[in-house]
Amino acid sequence: YSHGPVHRQLGVIAAALGHTATAAEHFDAARRINER
């Protein structure tokens, strides 16, 4: 099973830690890589 790039999980962690800007960057990267 492939979960995609770890950017997505890092986005979830960063958001939970209150680092919303960093989380958004991770989610953007995960989306871009998964779309590609």
PDB file of all heavy atoms in Angstrom:
ATOM      1  N   TYR A   1       0.850  -1.192   0.000  1.00  0.00           N
ATOM      2  CA  TYR A   1       0.000   0.000   0.000  1.00  0.00           C
ATOM      3  C   TYR A   1       0.884   1.239   0.000  1.00  0.00           C
ATOM      4  O   TYR A   1       1.834   1.331   0.788  1.00  0.00           O
ATOM      5  CB  TYR A   1      -0.923   0.033   1.221  1.00  0.00           C
ATOM      6  CG  TYR A   1      -2.058   1.012   1.035  1.00  0.00           C
ATOM      7  CD1 TYR A   1      -3.257   0.597   0.466  1.00  0.00           C
ATOM      8  CD2 TYR A   1      -1.912   2.355   1.367  1.00  0.00           C
ATOM      9  CE1 TYR A   1      -4.282   1.489   0.248  1.00  0.00           C
ATOM     10  CE2 TYR A   1      -2.933   3.247   1.146  1.00  0.00           C
ATOM     11  CZ  TYR A   1      -4.120   2.818   0.586  1.00  0.00           C
ATOM     12  OH  TYR A   1      -5.128   3.706   0.350  1.00  0.00           O
ATOM     13  N   SER A   2       0.563   2.173  -0.870  1.00  0.00           N
ATOM     14  CA  SER A   2       1.333   3.408  -0.964  1.00  0.00           C
ATOM     15  C   SER A   2       0.491   4.571  -0.450  1.00  0.00           C
ATOM     16  O   SER A   2      -0.601   4.823  -0.942  1.00  0.00           O
ATOM     17  CB  SER A   2       1.748   3.668  -2.412  1.00  0.00           C
ATOM     18  OG  SER A   2       2.467   4.876  -2.490  1.00  0.00           O
ATOM     19  N   HIS A   3       1.029   5.280   0.543  1.00  0.00           N
ATOM     20  CA  HIS A   3       0.302   6.377   1.181  1.00  0.00           C
ATOM     21  C   HIS A   3       0.609   7.741   0.563  1.00  0.00           C
ATOM     22  O   HIS A   3       0.085   8.749   1.019  1.00  0.00           O
ATOM     23  CB  HIS A   3       0.652   6.427   2.675  1.00  0.00           C
ATOM     24  CG  HIS A   3       0.342   5.164   3.401  1.00  0.00           C
ATOM     25  ND1 HIS A   3      -0.887   4.909   3.967  1.00  0.00           N
ATOM     26  CD2 HIS A   3       1.100   4.053   3.652  1.00  0.00           C
ATOM     27  CE1 HIS A   3      -0.872   3.712   4.530  1.00  0.00           C
ATOM     28  NE2 HIS A   3       0.310   3.178   4.355  1.00  0.00           N
ATOM     29  N   GLY A   4       1.461   7.771  -0.442  1.00  0.00           N
ATOM     30  CA  GLY A   4       1.850   9.048  -1.018  1.00  0.00           C
ATOM     31  C   GLY A   4       3.005   9.667  -0.250  1.00  0.00           C
ATOM     32  O   GLY A   4       3.510   9.099   0.724  1.00  0.00           O
ATOM     33  N   PRO A   5       3.450  10.847  -0.671  1.00  0.00           N
ATOM     34  CA  PRO A   5       4.599  11.488  -0.014  1.00  0.00           C
ATOM     35  C   PRO A   5       4.300  11.851   1.431  1.00  0.00           C
ATOM     36  O   PRO A   5       3.172  12.197   1.781  1.00  0.00           O
ATOM     37  CB  PRO A   5       4.835  12.732  -0.868  1.00  0.00           C
ATOM     38  CG  PRO A   5       3.509  13.015  -1.492  1.00  0.00           C
ATOM     39  CD  PRO A   5       2.886  11.680  -1.749  1.00  0.00           C
ATOM     40  N   VAL A   6       5.336  11.809   2.261  1.00  0.00           N
ATOM     41  CA  VAL A   6       5.183  12.072   3.687  1.00  0.00           C
ATOM     42  C   VAL A   6       4.810  13.530   3.957  1.00  0.00           C
ATOM     43  O   VAL A   6       4.431  13.868   5.083  1.00  0.00           O
ATOM     44  CB  VAL A   6       6.472  11.645   4.431  1.00  0.00           C
ATOM     45  CG1 VAL A   6       6.431  11.997   5.905  1.00  0.00           C
ATOM     46  CG2 VAL A   6       6.678  10.141   4.280  1.00  0.00           C
ATOM     47  N   HIS A   7       4.869  14.377   2.940  1.00  0.00           N
ATOM     48  CA  HIS A   7       4.396  15.758   3.094  1.00  0.00           C
ATOM     49  C   HIS A   7       3.007  15.798   3.727  1.00  0.00           C
ATOM     50  O   HIS A   7       2.713  16.679   4.536  1.00  0.00           O
ATOM     51  CB  HIS A   7       4.333  16.451   1.730  1.00  0.00           C
ATOM     52  CG  HIS A   7       5.609  17.107   1.309  1.00  0.00           C
ATOM     53  ND1 HIS A   7       6.193  18.132   2.030  1.00  0.00           N
ATOM     54  CD2 HIS A   7       6.400  16.905   0.223  1.00  0.00           C
ATOM     55  CE1 HIS A   7       7.289  18.534   1.415  1.00  0.00           C
ATOM     56  NE2 HIS A   7       7.446  17.814   0.321  1.00  0.00           N
ATOM     57  N   ARG A   8       2.137  14.863   3.347  1.00  0.00           N
ATOM     58  CA  ARG A   8       0.752  14.910   3.850  1.00  0.00           C
ATOM     59  C   ARG A   8       0.710  14.697   5.353  1.00  0.00           C
ATOM     60  O   ARG A   8       0.051  15.458   6.082  1.00  0.00           O
ATOM     61  CB  ARG A   8      -0.108  13.856   3.140  1.00  0.00           C
ATOM     62  CG  ARG A   8      -1.546  13.830   3.653  1.00  0.00           C
ATOM     63  CD  ARG A   8      -2.427  12.974   2.760  1.00  0.00           C
ATOM     64  NE  ARG A   8      -2.022  11.589   2.728  1.00  0.00           N
ATOM     65  CZ  ARG A   8      -2.341  10.676   3.649  1.00  0.00           C
ATOM     66  NH1 ARG A   8      -3.049  11.036   4.712  1.00  0.00           N
ATOM     67  NH2 ARG A   8      -1.954   9.432   3.526  1.00  0.00           N
ATOM     68  N   GLN A   9       1.389  13.663   5.845  1.00  0.00           N
ATOM     69  CA  GLN A   9       1.397  13.432   7.286  1.00  0.00           C
ATOM     70  C   GLN A   9       2.093  14.577   8.022  1.00  0.00           C
ATOM     71  O   GLN A   9       1.676  14.968   9.117  1.00  0.00           O
ATOM     72  CB  GLN A   9       2.085  12.101   7.601  1.00  0.00           C
ATOM     73  CG  GLN A   9       1.280  10.878   7.188  1.00  0.00           C
ATOM     74  CD  GLN A   9       1.621  10.398   5.799  1.00  0.00           C
ATOM     75  OE1 GLN A   9       2.272  11.097   5.024  1.00  0.00           O
ATOM     76  NE2 GLN A   9       1.187   9.190   5.466  1.00  0.00           N
ATOM     77  N   LEU A  10       3.141  15.131   7.426  1.00  0.00           N
ATOM     78  CA  LEU A  10       3.815  16.276   8.041  1.00  0.00           C
ATOM     79  C   LEU A  10       2.872  17.474   8.139  1.00  0.00           C
ATOM     80  O   LEU A  10       2.924  18.236   9.110  1.00  0.00           O
ATOM     81  CB  LEU A  10       5.064  16.647   7.234  1.00  0.00           C
ATOM     82  CG  LEU A  10       6.249  15.699   7.388  1.00  0.00           C
ATOM     83  CD1 LEU A  10       7.306  15.998   6.329  1.00  0.00           C
ATOM     84  CD2 LEU A  10       6.860  15.786   8.775  1.00  0.00           C
ATOM     85  N   GLY A  11       1.991  17.630   7.149  1.00  0.00           N
ATOM     86  CA  GLY A  11       1.002  18.700   7.216  1.00  0.00           C
ATOM     87  C   GLY A  11       0.048  18.523   8.381  1.00  0.00           C
ATOM     88  O   GLY A  11      -0.276  19.479   9.090  1.00  0.00           O
ATOM     89  N   VAL A  12      -0.391  17.277   8.605  1.00  0.00           N
ATOM     90  CA  VAL A  12      -1.289  16.990   9.728  1.00  0.00           C
ATOM     91  C   VAL A  12      -0.591  17.288  11.053  1.00  0.00           C
ATOM     92  O   VAL A  12      -1.170  17.905  11.962  1.00  0.00           O
ATOM     93  CB  VAL A  12      -1.755  15.515   9.678  1.00  0.00           C
ATOM     94  CG1 VAL A  12      -2.567  15.166  10.922  1.00  0.00           C
ATOM     95  CG2 VAL A  12      -2.586  15.268   8.421  1.00  0.00           C
ATOM     96  N   ILE A  13       0.668  16.863  11.174  1.00  0.00           N
ATOM     97  CA  ILE A  13       1.410  17.082  12.423  1.00  0.00           C
ATOM     98  C   ILE A  13       1.628  18.571  12.655  1.00  0.00           C
ATOM     99  O   ILE A  13       1.404  19.090  13.760  1.00  0.00           O
ATOM    100  CB  ILE A  13       2.764  16.355  12.385  1.00  0.00           C
ATOM    101  CG1 ILE A  13       2.580  14.856  12.192  1.00  0.00           C
ATOM    102  CG2 ILE A  13       3.546  16.624  13.665  1.00  0.00           C
ATOM    103  CD1 ILE A  13       3.867  14.113  11.872  1.00  0.00           C
ATOM    104  N   ALA A  14       2.091  19.278  11.614  1.00  0.00           N
ATOM    105  CA  ALA A  14       2.379  20.707  11.753  1.00  0.00           C
ATOM    106  C   ALA A  14       1.138  21.479  12.170  1.00  0.00           C
ATOM    107  O   ALA A  14       1.196  22.377  13.017  1.00  0.00           O
ATOM    108  CB  ALA A  14       2.947  21.258  10.448  1.00  0.00           C
ATOM    109  N   ALA A  15      -0.007  21.132  11.589  1.00  0.00           N
ATOM    110  CA  ALA A  15      -1.252  21.819  11.944  1.00  0.00           C
ATOM    111  C   ALA A  15      -1.602  21.576  13.405  1.00  0.00           C
ATOM    112  O   ALA A  15      -2.017  22.495  14.122  1.00  0.00           O
ATOM    113  CB  ALA A  15      -2.391  21.353  11.038  1.00  0.00           C
ATOM    114  N   ALA A  16      -1.431  20.339  13.870  1.00  0.00           N
ATOM    115  CA  ALA A  16      -1.743  20.015  15.265  1.00  0.00           C
ATOM    116  C   ALA A  16      -0.821  20.759  16.229  1.00  0.00           C
ATOM    117  O   ALA A  16      -1.216  21.077  17.353  1.00  0.00           O
ATOM    118  CB  ALA A  16      -1.636  18.508  15.487  1.00  0.00           C
ATOM    119  N   LEU A  17       0.388  21.061  15.773  1.00  0.00           N
ATOM    120  CA  LEU A  17       1.342  21.800  16.594  1.00  0.00           C
ATOM    121  C   LEU A  17       1.138  23.308  16.509  1.00  0.00           C
ATOM    122  O   LEU A  17       1.842  24.073  17.159  1.00  0.00           O
ATOM    123  CB  LEU A  17       2.778  21.447  16.184  1.00  0.00           C
ATOM    124  CG  LEU A  17       3.245  20.027  16.535  1.00  0.00           C
ATOM    125  CD1 LEU A  17       4.597  19.734  15.900  1.00  0.00           C
ATOM    126  CD2 LEU A  17       3.329  19.840  18.044  1.00  0.00           C
ATOM    127  N   GLY A  18       0.173  23.726  15.675  1.00  0.00           N
ATOM    128  CA  GLY A  18      -0.135  25.144  15.541  1.00  0.00           C
ATOM    129  C   GLY A  18       0.663  25.867  14.475  1.00  0.00           C
ATOM    130  O   GLY A  18       0.557  27.090  14.343  1.00  0.00           O
ATOM    131  N   HIS A  19       1.443  25.137  13.655  1.00  0.00           N
ATOM    132  CA  HIS A  19       2.258  25.764  12.611  1.00  0.00           C
ATOM    133  C   HIS A  19       1.470  25.736  11.293  1.00  0.00           C
ATOM    134  O   HIS A  19       1.755  24.943  10.385  1.00  0.00           O
ATOM    135  CB  HIS A  19       3.585  25.028  12.469  1.00  0.00           C
ATOM    136  CG  HIS A  19       4.337  24.886  13.759  1.00  0.00           C
ATOM    137  ND1 HIS A  19       4.516  25.934  14.635  1.00  0.00           N
ATOM    138  CD2 HIS A  19       4.954  23.808  14.332  1.00  0.00           C
ATOM    139  CE1 HIS A  19       5.211  25.523  15.678  1.00  0.00           C
ATOM    140  NE2 HIS A  19       5.475  24.233  15.537  1.00  0.00           N
ATOM    141  N   THR A  20       0.488  26.597  11.190  1.00  0.00           N
ATOM    142  CA  THR A  20      -0.457  26.514  10.070  1.00  0.00           C
ATOM    143  C   THR A  20       0.187  26.827   8.722  1.00  0.00           C
ATOM    144  O   THR A  20      -0.155  26.197   7.713  1.00  0.00           O
ATOM    145  CB  THR A  20      -1.648  27.450  10.310  1.00  0.00           C
ATOM    146  OG1 THR A  20      -1.161  28.783  10.553  1.00  0.00           O
ATOM    147  CG2 THR A  20      -2.454  26.999  11.517  1.00  0.00           C
ATOM    148  N   ALA A  21       1.087  27.799   8.676  1.00  0.00           N
ATOM    149  CA  ALA A  21       1.729  28.136   7.403  1.00  0.00           C
ATOM    150  C   ALA A  21       2.574  26.970   6.899  1.00  0.00           C
ATOM    151  O   ALA A  21       2.537  26.624   5.709  1.00  0.00           O
ATOM    152  CB  ALA A  21       2.586  29.391   7.554  1.00  0.00           C
ATOM    153  N   THR A  22       3.321  26.347   7.813  1.00  0.00           N
ATOM    154  CA  THR A  22       4.129  25.185   7.435  1.00  0.00           C
ATOM    155  C   THR A  22       3.231  24.035   6.995  1.00  0.00           C
ATOM    156  O   THR A  22       3.533  23.343   6.016  1.00  0.00           O
ATOM    157  CB  THR A  22       4.996  24.738   8.628  1.00  0.00           C
ATOM    158  OG1 THR A  22       5.857  25.815   9.005  1.00  0.00           O
ATOM    159  CG2 THR A  22       5.834  23.528   8.269  1.00  0.00           C
ATOM    160  N   ALA A  23       2.134  23.835   7.705  1.00  0.00           N
ATOM    161  CA  ALA A  23       1.197  22.766   7.331  1.00  0.00           C
ATOM    162  C   ALA A  23       0.661  22.991   5.923  1.00  0.00           C
ATOM    163  O   ALA A  23       0.592  22.053   5.118  1.00  0.00           O
ATOM    164  CB  ALA A  23       0.051  22.712   8.333  1.00  0.00           C
ATOM    165  N   ALA A  24       0.285  24.224   5.618  1.00  0.00           N
ATOM    166  CA  ALA A  24      -0.244  24.534   4.285  1.00  0.00           C
ATOM    167  C   ALA A  24       0.788  24.225   3.203  1.00  0.00           C
ATOM    168  O   ALA A  24       0.449  23.694   2.130  1.00  0.00           O
ATOM    169  CB  ALA A  24      -0.666  25.997   4.221  1.00  0.00           C
ATOM    170  N   GLU A  25       2.055  24.526   3.474  1.00  0.00           N
ATOM    171  CA  GLU A  25       3.117  24.232   2.499  1.00  0.00           C
ATOM    172  C   GLU A  25       3.234  22.728   2.269  1.00  0.00           C
ATOM    173  O   GLU A  25       3.407  22.273   1.128  1.00  0.00           O
ATOM    174  CB  GLU A  25       4.443  24.798   2.998  1.00  0.00           C
ATOM    175  CG  GLU A  25       4.500  26.329   3.002  1.00  0.00           C
ATOM    176  CD  GLU A  25       5.770  26.857   3.645  1.00  0.00           C
ATOM    177  OE1 GLU A  25       6.611  26.019   4.074  1.00  0.00           O
ATOM    178  OE2 GLU A  25       5.927  28.086   3.716  1.00  0.00           O
ATOM    179  N   HIS A  26       3.164  21.960   3.339  1.00  0.00           N
ATOM    180  CA  HIS A  26       3.239  20.499   3.192  1.00  0.00           C
ATOM    181  C   HIS A  26       2.050  19.968   2.398  1.00  0.00           C
ATOM    182  O   HIS A  26       2.214  19.115   1.508  1.00  0.00           O
ATOM    183  CB  HIS A  26       3.268  19.827   4.565  1.00  0.00           C
ATOM    184  CG  HIS A  26       4.592  19.898   5.255  1.00  0.00           C
ATOM    185  ND1 HIS A  26       5.761  19.436   4.696  1.00  0.00           N
ATOM    186  CD2 HIS A  26       4.941  20.377   6.492  1.00  0.00           C
ATOM    187  CE1 HIS A  26       6.772  19.599   5.538  1.00  0.00           C
ATOM    188  NE2 HIS A  26       6.299  20.175   6.639  1.00  0.00           N
ATOM    189  N   PHE A  27       0.851  20.453   2.702  1.00  0.00           N
ATOM    190  CA  PHE A  27      -0.332  19.975   1.966  1.00  0.00           C
ATOM    191  C   PHE A  27      -0.250  20.364   0.489  1.00  0.00           C
ATOM    192  O   PHE A  27      -0.628  19.578  -0.386  1.00  0.00           O
ATOM    193  CB  PHE A  27      -1.609  20.535   2.596  1.00  0.00           C
ATOM    194  CG  PHE A  27      -1.979  19.897   3.904  1.00  0.00           C
ATOM    195  CD1 PHE A  27      -2.239  20.675   5.031  1.00  0.00           C
ATOM    196  CD2 PHE A  27      -2.077  18.519   4.021  1.00  0.00           C
ATOM    197  CE1 PHE A  27      -2.579  20.094   6.244  1.00  0.00           C
ATOM    198  CE2 PHE A  27      -2.417  17.920   5.228  1.00  0.00           C
ATOM    199  CZ  PHE A  27      -2.668  18.711   6.350  1.00  0.00           C
ATOM    200  N   ASP A  28       0.243  21.565   0.206  1.00  0.00           N
ATOM    201  CA  ASP A  28       0.412  21.988  -1.189  1.00  0.00           C
ATOM    202  C   ASP A  28       1.365  21.046  -1.923  1.00  0.00           C
ATOM    203  O   ASP A  28       1.109  20.641  -3.065  1.00  0.00           O
ATOM    204  CB  ASP A  28       0.946  23.418  -1.255  1.00  0.00           C
ATOM    205  CG  ASP A  28      -0.101  24.457  -0.896  1.00  0.00           C
ATOM    206  OD1 ASP A  28      -1.307  24.124  -0.929  1.00  0.00           O
ATOM    207  OD2 ASP A  28       0.280  25.606  -0.584  1.00  0.00           O
ATOM    208  N   ALA A  29       2.482  20.716  -1.263  1.00  0.00           N
ATOM    209  CA  ALA A  29       3.467  19.833  -1.890  1.00  0.00           C
ATOM    210  C   ALA A  29       2.895  18.432  -2.098  1.00  0.00           C
ATOM    211  O   ALA A  29       3.090  17.819  -3.162  1.00  0.00           O
ATOM    212  CB  ALA A  29       4.723  19.764  -1.029  1.00  0.00           C
ATOM    213  N   ALA A  30       2.177  17.913  -1.093  1.00  0.00           N
ATOM    214  CA  ALA A  30       1.585  16.585  -1.216  1.00  0.00           C
ATOM    215  C   ALA A  30       0.587  16.533  -2.371  1.00  0.00           C
ATOM    216  O   ALA A  30       0.576  15.581  -3.159  1.00  0.00           O
ATOM    217  CB  ALA A  30       0.893  16.201   0.091  1.00  0.00           C
ATOM    218  N   ARG A  31      -0.224  17.566  -2.468  1.00  0.00           N
ATOM    219  CA  ARG A  31      -1.206  17.598  -3.558  1.00  0.00           C
ATOM    220  C   ARG A  31      -0.506  17.617  -4.911  1.00  0.00           C
ATOM    221  O   ARG A  31      -0.877  16.879  -5.830  1.00  0.00           O
ATOM    222  CB  ARG A  31      -2.090  18.830  -3.415  1.00  0.00           C
ATOM    223  CG  ARG A  31      -3.055  18.999  -4.587  1.00  0.00           C
ATOM    224  CD  ARG A  31      -3.908  20.225  -4.453  1.00  0.00           C
ATOM    225  NE  ARG A  31      -4.790  20.351  -5.619  1.00  0.00           N
ATOM    226  CZ  ARG A  31      -5.903  21.032  -5.617  1.00  0.00           C
ATOM    227  NH1 ARG A  31      -6.304  21.645  -4.524  1.00  0.00           N
ATOM    228  NH2 ARG A  31      -6.643  21.105  -6.698  1.00  0.00           N
ATOM    229  N   ARG A  32       0.504  18.464  -5.047  1.00  0.00           N
ATOM    230  CA  ARG A  32       1.214  18.598  -6.324  1.00  0.00           C
ATOM    231  C   ARG A  32       1.857  17.271  -6.731  1.00  0.00           C
ATOM    232  O   ARG A  32       1.744  16.838  -7.891  1.00  0.00           O
ATOM    233  CB  ARG A  32       2.283  19.689  -6.185  1.00  0.00           C
ATOM    234  CG  ARG A  32       3.065  19.962  -7.454  1.00  0.00           C
ATOM    235  CD  ARG A  32       3.965  21.174  -7.274  1.00  0.00           C
ATOM    236  NE  ARG A  32       4.965  20.977  -6.204  1.00  0.00           N
ATOM    237  CZ  ARG A  32       4.913  21.569  -5.014  1.00  0.00           C
ATOM    238  NH1 ARG A  32       3.928  22.403  -4.722  1.00  0.00           N
ATOM    239  NH2 ARG A  32       5.856  21.345  -4.118  1.00  0.00           N
ATOM    240  N   ILE A  33       2.501  16.593  -5.794  1.00  0.00           N
ATOM    241  CA  ILE A  33       3.181  15.332  -6.105  1.00  0.00           C
ATOM    242  C   ILE A  33       2.173  14.234  -6.432  1.00  0.00           C
ATOM    243  O   ILE A  33       2.356  13.454  -7.384  1.00  0.00           O
ATOM    244  CB  ILE A  33       4.077  14.919  -4.916  1.00  0.00           C
ATOM    245  CG1 ILE A  33       5.211  15.936  -4.740  1.00  0.00           C
ATOM    246  CG2 ILE A  33       4.643  13.521  -5.133  1.00  0.00           C
ATOM    247  CD1 ILE A  33       5.989  15.760  -3.446  1.00  0.00           C
ATOM    248  N   ASN A  34       1.087  14.168  -5.682  1.00  0.00           N
ATOM    249  CA  ASN A  34       0.061  13.151  -5.955  1.00  0.00           C
ATOM    250  C   ASN A  34      -0.621  13.385  -7.297  1.00  0.00           C
ATOM    251  O   ASN A  34      -0.933  12.421  -8.018  1.00  0.00           O
ATOM    252  CB  ASN A  34      -0.977  13.146  -4.829  1.00  0.00           C
ATOM    253  CG  ASN A  34      -0.482  12.451  -3.581  1.00  0.00           C
ATOM    254  OD1 ASN A  34       0.204  11.442  -3.652  1.00  0.00           O
ATOM    255  ND2 ASN A  34      -0.816  12.992  -2.420  1.00  0.00           N
ATOM    256  N   GLU A  35      -0.866  14.641  -7.635  1.00  0.00           N
ATOM    257  CA  GLU A  35      -1.467  14.939  -8.937  1.00  0.00           C
ATOM    258  C   GLU A  35      -0.538  14.515 -10.071  1.00  0.00           C
ATOM    259  O   GLU A  35      -0.981  13.957 -11.079  1.00  0.00           O
ATOM    260  CB  GLU A  35      -1.795  16.428  -9.035  1.00  0.00           C
ATOM    261  CG  GLU A  35      -3.029  16.841  -8.247  1.00  0.00           C
ATOM    262  CD  GLU A  35      -3.357  18.308  -8.396  1.00  0.00           C
ATOM    263  OE1 GLU A  35      -2.410  19.109  -8.631  1.00  0.00           O
ATOM    264  OE2 GLU A  35      -4.540  18.671  -8.269  1.00  0.00           O
ATOM    265  N   ARG A  36       0.756  14.790  -9.896  1.00  0.00           N
ATOM    266  CA  ARG A  36       1.721  14.419 -10.931  1.00  0.00           C
ATOM    267  C   ARG A  36       1.763  12.908 -11.127  1.00  0.00           C
ATOM    268  O   ARG A  36       1.993  12.416 -12.234  1.00  0.00           O
ATOM    269  CB  ARG A  36       3.104  14.950 -10.538  1.00  0.00           C
ATOM    270  CG  ARG A  36       4.159  14.779 -11.618  1.00  0.00           C
ATOM    271  CD  ARG A  36       5.404  15.579 -11.308  1.00  0.00           C
ATOM    272  NE  ARG A  36       6.073  15.107 -10.097  1.00  0.00           N
ATOM    273  CZ  ARG A  36       6.358  15.879  -9.060  1.00  0.00           C
ATOM    274  NH1 ARG A  36       6.021  17.161  -9.065  1.00  0.00           N
ATOM    275  NH2 ARG A  36       6.981  15.382  -8.008  1.00  0.00           N
TER     276      ARG A  36
END
